[in-house]
Amino acid sequence: MGVKVTEKDYANYGKCVFLDNGAVTLGITTEIGPRIIYFSLCGKENIMFEDIERRFTEDTGKYGTWINYGGHRLWCSPEVNPETYCPDNSPVKFTVKGNEVTVEPETTPFGKKFSMTVVMDESKPVVTVTHRIKNVSGKPAKYAAWAITGLTTGGVCKLPVSTKKTGYLANRVFSLWDYSDINDPRFSMSNSEVRIKQDIYKKNAFKIGLNIDGEFGVYAVNGQIFVKSAPAYEAVEYPDYACNYEVYTNAYFLECENIGELKEFADGEEAVLSEKWTLLDNADNDEPDLDKIRAAIAE
């Protein structure tokens, strides 16, 4: 059927742009953010976290209040206040070209120009999201693009662990935050994968980062499996002790996060971070099997 693009009000997010190809539906806010606030197989429930109550906010002093809103967002790493939490509560510019939508918020007070381009496949449950952060500050700036997907409650996330044979050299990197309890019952790992369960009864947060070499992270929820690709792992500097993929969870959502290279960008230069999303049917809500998912997305 091709990709149909429409504008409509959604929940309490105001006007949103929706893309639909008969297999998947995706919605992007245009009056705030932007956020990719909706993503599902057609006929199924949204897999994105929706902060309808606006529970998650951060004060940034003279810049105002940052609001999470939920869904997928683009941030600037490393995480600092106020720049990372620069409020994005205003309408955004958006352009539509066939099966492609680009959204651009206002330039930040810190000299960063953000943009996000979503391209939906003509028929498959696949979208590509390309993120750009351009340095327009008039001077060099060191940062990395950080693509964060906030997902709804009750699911299970799995990440492949590197099994490369590296001889005398290490092949796996793990980072834990000061609030991450290594004995947290939501977290477990083997020599081939990491598992993190979202639990609405666990109030404390947990976060882990690791190196994923050109693979993906998955989250099974609402009868679907969300597959978020990871960029190739390179011999470059990354934030958070050389991690290019991170997962954060609390009682209200789980986030799958891609991070690009941390480097100094000249004025006019931009960080670019692309990822592919795939939605697979999981009607029986089975635990995600990474080998089966590899085979499914290779078809």
Protein backbone atom coordinates (compact mmCIF):
# COMPACT_ATOMS: atom_id res chain seq x y z
CA MET A 1 0.00 0.00 0.00
CA GLY A 2 3.00 2.32 0.37
CA VAL A 3 3.43 4.74 3.24
CA LYS A 4 0.53 6.95 4.27
CA VAL A 5 1.43 10.15 6.17
CA THR A 6 -1.23 12.01 8.17
CA GLU A 7 -1.48 14.68 10.86
CA LYS A 8 -3.73 14.24 13.88
CA ASP A 9 -4.02 15.02 17.56
CA TYR A 10 -2.75 12.25 19.83
CA ALA A 11 -3.36 11.91 23.58
CA ASN A 12 -2.19 15.16 25.25
CA TYR A 13 0.71 15.67 22.87
CA GLY A 14 -1.15 17.90 20.43
CA LYS A 15 -0.54 17.56 16.70
CA CYS A 16 1.55 14.57 15.61
CA VAL A 17 2.66 13.22 12.25
CA PHE A 18 1.81 9.55 11.74
CA LEU A 19 3.32 7.18 9.19
CA ASP A 20 1.60 3.89 8.31
CA ASN A 21 2.59 1.27 5.72
CA GLY A 22 -0.01 -1.36 6.60
CA ALA A 23 2.52 -3.28 8.69
CA VAL A 24 3.55 -0.69 11.30
CA THR A 25 2.39 2.68 12.57
CA LEU A 26 4.71 5.39 13.90
CA GLY A 27 3.85 8.79 15.39
CA ILE A 28 6.06 11.85 15.91
CA THR A 29 5.19 14.89 18.02
CA THR A 30 5.36 18.29 16.32
CA GLU A 31 4.10 20.66 19.04
CA ILE A 32 6.81 19.62 21.52
CA GLY A 33 10.04 17.68 21.45
CA PRO A 34 10.25 16.05 19.03
CA ARG A 35 9.53 12.58 20.32
CA ILE A 36 8.67 9.42 18.43
CA ILE A 37 5.78 8.80 20.76
CA TYR A 38 4.07 5.89 19.00
CA PHE A 39 5.32 2.69 17.34
CA SER A 40 3.43 -0.56 16.91
CA LEU A 41 2.53 -3.33 14.52
CA CYS A 42 -0.82 -2.44 12.99
CA GLY A 43 -3.61 -3.65 15.26
CA LYS A 44 -1.33 -3.95 18.30
CA GLU A 45 -0.67 -1.67 21.28
CA ASN A 46 1.93 1.09 21.39
CA ILE A 47 5.33 -0.11 22.66
CA MET A 48 6.55 3.40 23.55
CA PHE A 49 6.41 4.82 27.07
CA GLU A 50 3.94 7.71 27.25
CA ASP A 51 4.41 10.17 30.10
CA ILE A 52 0.85 11.42 29.95
CA GLU A 53 1.01 12.70 33.55
CA ARG A 54 4.31 14.56 32.92
CA ARG A 55 5.83 12.90 35.99
CA PHE A 56 9.43 13.11 34.85
CA THR A 57 10.87 16.61 34.78
CA GLU A 58 14.20 18.31 35.42
CA ASP A 59 14.79 21.89 36.49
CA THR A 60 17.41 23.65 34.34
CA GLY A 61 17.42 26.98 36.14
CA LYS A 62 17.10 29.98 33.82
CA TYR A 63 16.39 27.69 30.84
CA GLY A 64 13.16 26.35 32.29
CA THR A 65 11.86 22.83 32.91
CA TRP A 66 12.76 19.82 30.81
CA ILE A 67 9.90 17.32 30.43
CA ASN A 68 10.49 13.68 29.51
CA TYR A 69 7.19 13.20 27.58
CA GLY A 70 8.20 9.58 26.85
CA GLY A 71 8.99 7.87 23.56
CA HIS A 72 12.19 8.24 21.56
CA ARG A 73 14.36 11.34 21.82
CA LEU A 74 17.76 12.66 20.76
CA TRP A 75 20.12 13.90 23.44
CA CYS A 76 23.66 15.25 23.62
CA SER A 77 26.20 13.22 25.64
CA PRO A 78 27.90 13.39 28.13
CA GLU A 79 24.95 13.92 30.45
CA VAL A 80 25.12 17.29 32.19
CA ASN A 81 22.60 19.81 33.46
CA PRO A 82 21.61 22.19 31.96
CA GLU A 83 22.77 21.37 28.41
CA THR A 84 21.63 17.75 28.14
CA TYR A 85 18.30 18.65 29.75
CA CYS A 86 17.76 21.76 27.64
CA PRO A 87 13.93 22.07 27.49
CA ASP A 88 12.31 21.10 24.19
CA ASN A 89 8.76 22.20 24.90
CA SER A 90 8.18 24.29 21.75
CA PRO A 91 6.75 23.39 18.32
CA VAL A 92 9.17 21.87 15.82
CA LYS A 93 9.60 22.31 12.08
CA PHE A 94 8.77 19.20 10.06
CA THR A 95 8.99 18.27 6.39
CA VAL A 96 7.49 15.30 4.57
CA LYS A 97 8.97 13.72 1.44
CA GLY A 98 7.17 10.54 0.46
CA ASN A 99 7.95 7.94 3.14
CA GLU A 100 10.37 10.28 4.95
CA VAL A 101 9.70 12.77 7.75
CA THR A 102 12.32 15.16 9.15
CA VAL A 103 11.73 17.07 12.40
CA GLU A 104 13.88 19.98 13.56
CA PRO A 105 13.47 21.80 16.89
CA GLU A 106 14.80 25.28 17.53
CA THR A 107 18.56 25.73 17.91
CA THR A 108 19.50 25.27 21.57
CA PRO A 109 21.00 28.08 23.69
CA PHE A 110 24.20 26.00 23.68
CA GLY A 111 24.75 26.28 19.93
CA LYS A 112 23.42 22.86 18.88
CA LYS A 113 21.05 22.24 15.97
CA PHE A 114 19.20 18.94 16.33
CA SER A 115 17.31 17.02 13.65
CA MET A 116 15.77 13.58 13.30
CA THR A 117 14.79 11.89 10.03
CA VAL A 118 12.49 8.87 9.97
CA VAL A 119 12.22 6.73 6.83
CA MET A 120 9.59 3.97 6.81
CA ASP A 121 9.93 0.95 4.53
CA GLU A 122 7.21 0.77 1.87
CA SER A 123 5.81 -2.51 3.22
CA LYS A 124 8.00 -4.10 5.91
CA PRO A 125 7.80 -3.39 9.69
CA VAL A 126 11.08 -1.49 9.45
CA VAL A 127 12.07 2.15 9.91
CA THR A 128 15.42 3.93 9.81
CA VAL A 129 16.01 6.82 12.19
CA THR A 130 18.91 9.18 11.47
CA HIS A 131 19.91 11.68 14.15
CA ARG A 132 22.03 14.78 13.62
CA ILE A 133 23.46 17.30 16.08
CA LYS A 134 25.19 20.18 14.32
CA ASN A 135 27.60 22.47 16.14
CA VAL A 136 26.56 26.05 15.38
CA SER A 137 28.17 27.62 18.44
CA GLY A 138 30.91 29.41 16.53
CA LYS A 139 33.62 27.41 18.31
CA PRO A 140 34.68 23.74 18.68
CA ALA A 141 32.51 21.58 20.93
CA LYS A 142 33.05 18.04 22.24
CA TYR A 143 29.97 15.80 22.40
CA ALA A 144 28.31 12.64 21.10
CA ALA A 145 24.87 11.97 19.65
CA TRP A 146 22.73 9.90 22.03
CA ALA A 147 19.56 8.20 20.76
CA ILE A 148 17.25 7.13 23.61
CA THR A 149 14.15 4.97 23.12
CA GLY A 150 11.76 4.98 26.09
CA LEU A 151 9.62 1.83 26.12
CA THR A 152 6.50 0.86 28.04
CA THR A 153 6.24 -1.33 31.13
CA GLY A 154 6.24 -5.09 31.56
CA GLY A 155 8.80 -6.16 28.98
CA VAL A 156 12.10 -8.00 28.80
CA CYS A 157 15.24 -6.54 27.21
CA LYS A 158 18.12 -8.64 25.89
CA LEU A 159 21.51 -7.58 24.56
CA PRO A 160 24.15 -9.75 22.91
CA VAL A 161 27.52 -9.89 24.62
CA SER A 162 30.66 -9.86 22.49
CA THR A 163 32.04 -13.33 21.83
CA LYS A 164 34.90 -12.21 19.60
CA LYS A 165 38.12 -14.16 20.01
CA THR A 166 40.68 -11.51 20.91
CA GLY A 167 43.50 -13.58 22.39
CA TYR A 168 45.36 -11.63 25.06
CA LEU A 169 43.06 -8.59 24.71
CA ALA A 170 39.71 -7.95 26.38
CA ASN A 171 36.55 -8.30 24.28
CA ARG A 172 33.79 -7.06 26.62
CA VAL A 173 33.14 -3.72 28.29
CA PHE A 174 30.54 -3.17 31.03
CA SER A 175 29.72 0.07 32.83
CA LEU A 176 27.53 0.39 35.91
CA TRP A 177 26.19 3.57 37.51
CA ASP A 178 26.43 4.35 41.20
CA TYR A 179 22.75 3.45 41.69
CA SER A 180 23.07 0.12 39.80
CA ASP A 181 23.01 -2.84 42.19
CA ILE A 182 24.91 -5.78 40.65
CA ASN A 183 22.54 -8.07 42.59
CA ASP A 184 19.40 -6.39 41.20
CA PRO A 185 16.89 -9.20 40.44
CA ARG A 186 15.92 -7.49 37.18
CA PHE A 187 19.44 -8.04 35.84
CA SER A 188 21.21 -11.22 34.81
CA MET A 189 23.91 -12.14 32.32
CA SER A 190 25.64 -15.07 30.70
CA ASN A 191 28.65 -15.38 28.42
CA SER A 192 26.44 -14.58 25.42
CA GLU A 193 23.75 -12.13 26.57
CA VAL A 194 22.50 -9.62 29.13
CA ARG A 195 18.88 -9.72 30.33
CA ILE A 196 17.04 -6.81 32.00
CA LYS A 197 13.42 -7.09 33.09
CA GLN A 198 11.22 -4.02 33.50
CA ASP A 199 9.40 -4.31 36.83
CA ILE A 200 6.71 -1.84 37.91
CA TYR A 201 7.27 -2.83 41.56
CA LYS A 202 10.98 -1.94 41.66
CA LYS A 203 11.24 1.78 42.40
CA ASN A 204 15.02 2.12 42.24
CA ALA A 205 16.73 2.67 38.90
CA PHE A 206 19.22 0.35 37.22
CA LYS A 207 21.53 1.13 34.29
CA ILE A 208 24.21 -0.77 32.40
CA GLY A 209 26.34 0.06 29.37
CA LEU A 210 28.28 -2.30 27.12
CA ASN A 211 29.96 -2.63 23.75
CA ILE A 212 27.80 -4.08 20.96
CA ASP A 213 29.57 -4.68 17.68
CA GLY A 214 27.10 -4.01 14.87
CA GLU A 215 24.29 -6.03 16.42
CA PHE A 216 21.15 -4.93 18.27
CA GLY A 217 19.22 -4.75 21.49
CA VAL A 218 15.68 -6.13 21.77
CA TYR A 219 12.67 -5.49 24.00
CA ALA A 220 9.69 -7.85 24.09
CA VAL A 221 6.44 -6.21 25.20
CA ASN A 222 2.75 -6.00 24.21
CA GLY A 223 2.94 -9.04 21.93
CA GLN A 224 5.80 -7.56 19.89
CA ILE A 225 9.60 -7.58 19.81
CA PHE A 226 11.28 -4.25 19.21
CA VAL A 227 14.71 -4.62 17.59
CA LYS A 228 16.96 -1.55 17.76
CA SER A 229 20.18 -1.87 15.79
CA ALA A 230 23.53 -0.76 17.13
CA PRO A 231 26.13 1.06 15.03
CA ALA A 232 29.41 -0.69 14.33
CA TYR A 233 31.71 -0.55 17.34
CA GLU A 234 34.85 1.33 16.37
CA ALA A 235 38.24 2.13 17.86
CA VAL A 236 37.11 5.63 18.86
CA GLU A 237 36.26 7.40 22.10
CA TYR A 238 32.81 6.78 23.55
CA PRO A 239 31.22 8.26 26.68
CA ASP A 240 30.74 6.15 29.80
CA TYR A 241 33.91 4.06 29.58
CA ALA A 242 33.75 2.94 25.95
CA CYS A 243 30.09 1.86 25.77
CA ASN A 244 28.02 2.35 22.62
CA TYR A 245 24.77 0.79 23.92
CA GLU A 246 23.09 1.36 27.28
CA VAL A 247 19.90 0.26 29.04
CA TYR A 248 18.18 2.14 31.85
CA THR A 249 15.09 1.03 33.73
CA ASN A 250 12.95 2.07 36.68
CA ALA A 251 9.38 1.33 37.78
CA TYR A 252 7.84 3.28 34.88
CA PHE A 253 9.77 2.46 31.69
CA LEU A 254 12.85 0.94 30.11
CA GLU A 255 15.20 2.79 27.77
CA CYS A 256 17.38 1.32 25.01
CA GLU A 257 20.11 3.82 24.13
CA ASN A 258 22.59 4.11 21.27
CA ILE A 259 25.59 6.42 21.62
CA GLY A 260 27.88 7.69 18.88
CA GLU A 261 31.50 8.74 18.91
CA LEU A 262 32.57 11.33 21.49
CA LYS A 263 34.73 13.84 19.65
CA GLU A 264 35.39 17.53 19.12
CA PHE A 265 33.24 18.94 16.36
CA ALA A 266 34.29 22.09 14.57
CA ASP A 267 31.79 24.89 14.07
CA GLY A 268 29.44 23.77 11.29
CA GLU A 269 30.30 20.07 11.73
CA GLU A 270 27.65 17.59 12.83
CA ALA A 271 27.42 14.29 14.69
CA VAL A 272 25.38 11.68 12.81
CA LEU A 273 23.92 8.54 14.37
CA SER A 274 21.64 6.17 12.42
CA GLU A 275 19.77 3.11 13.60
CA LYS A 276 17.27 0.64 12.17
CA TRP A 277 14.14 -0.40 14.02
CA THR A 278 12.25 -3.61 13.31
CA LEU A 279 9.05 -4.85 14.94
CA LEU A 280 8.41 -8.60 15.08
CA ASP A 281 5.16 -10.28 16.03
CA ASN A 282 5.30 -12.07 19.38
CA ALA A 283 1.68 -12.98 20.00
CA ASP A 284 2.54 -15.51 22.71
CA ASN A 285 4.79 -13.00 24.54
CA ASP A 286 7.69 -15.44 24.37
CA GLU A 287 11.04 -14.57 25.92
CA PRO A 288 13.14 -13.07 23.08
CA ASP A 289 15.62 -15.53 21.53
CA LEU A 290 18.55 -13.60 20.03
CA ASP A 291 19.47 -16.31 17.52
CA LYS A 292 15.91 -16.48 16.18
CA ILE A 293 15.79 -12.69 15.98
CA ARG A 294 19.05 -12.61 14.01
CA ALA A 295 17.54 -15.03 11.52
CA ALA A 296 14.24 -13.11 11.33
CA ILE A 297 15.78 -9.71 10.59
CA ALA A 298 18.18 -11.24 8.04
CA GLU A 299 15.26 -12.39 5.85
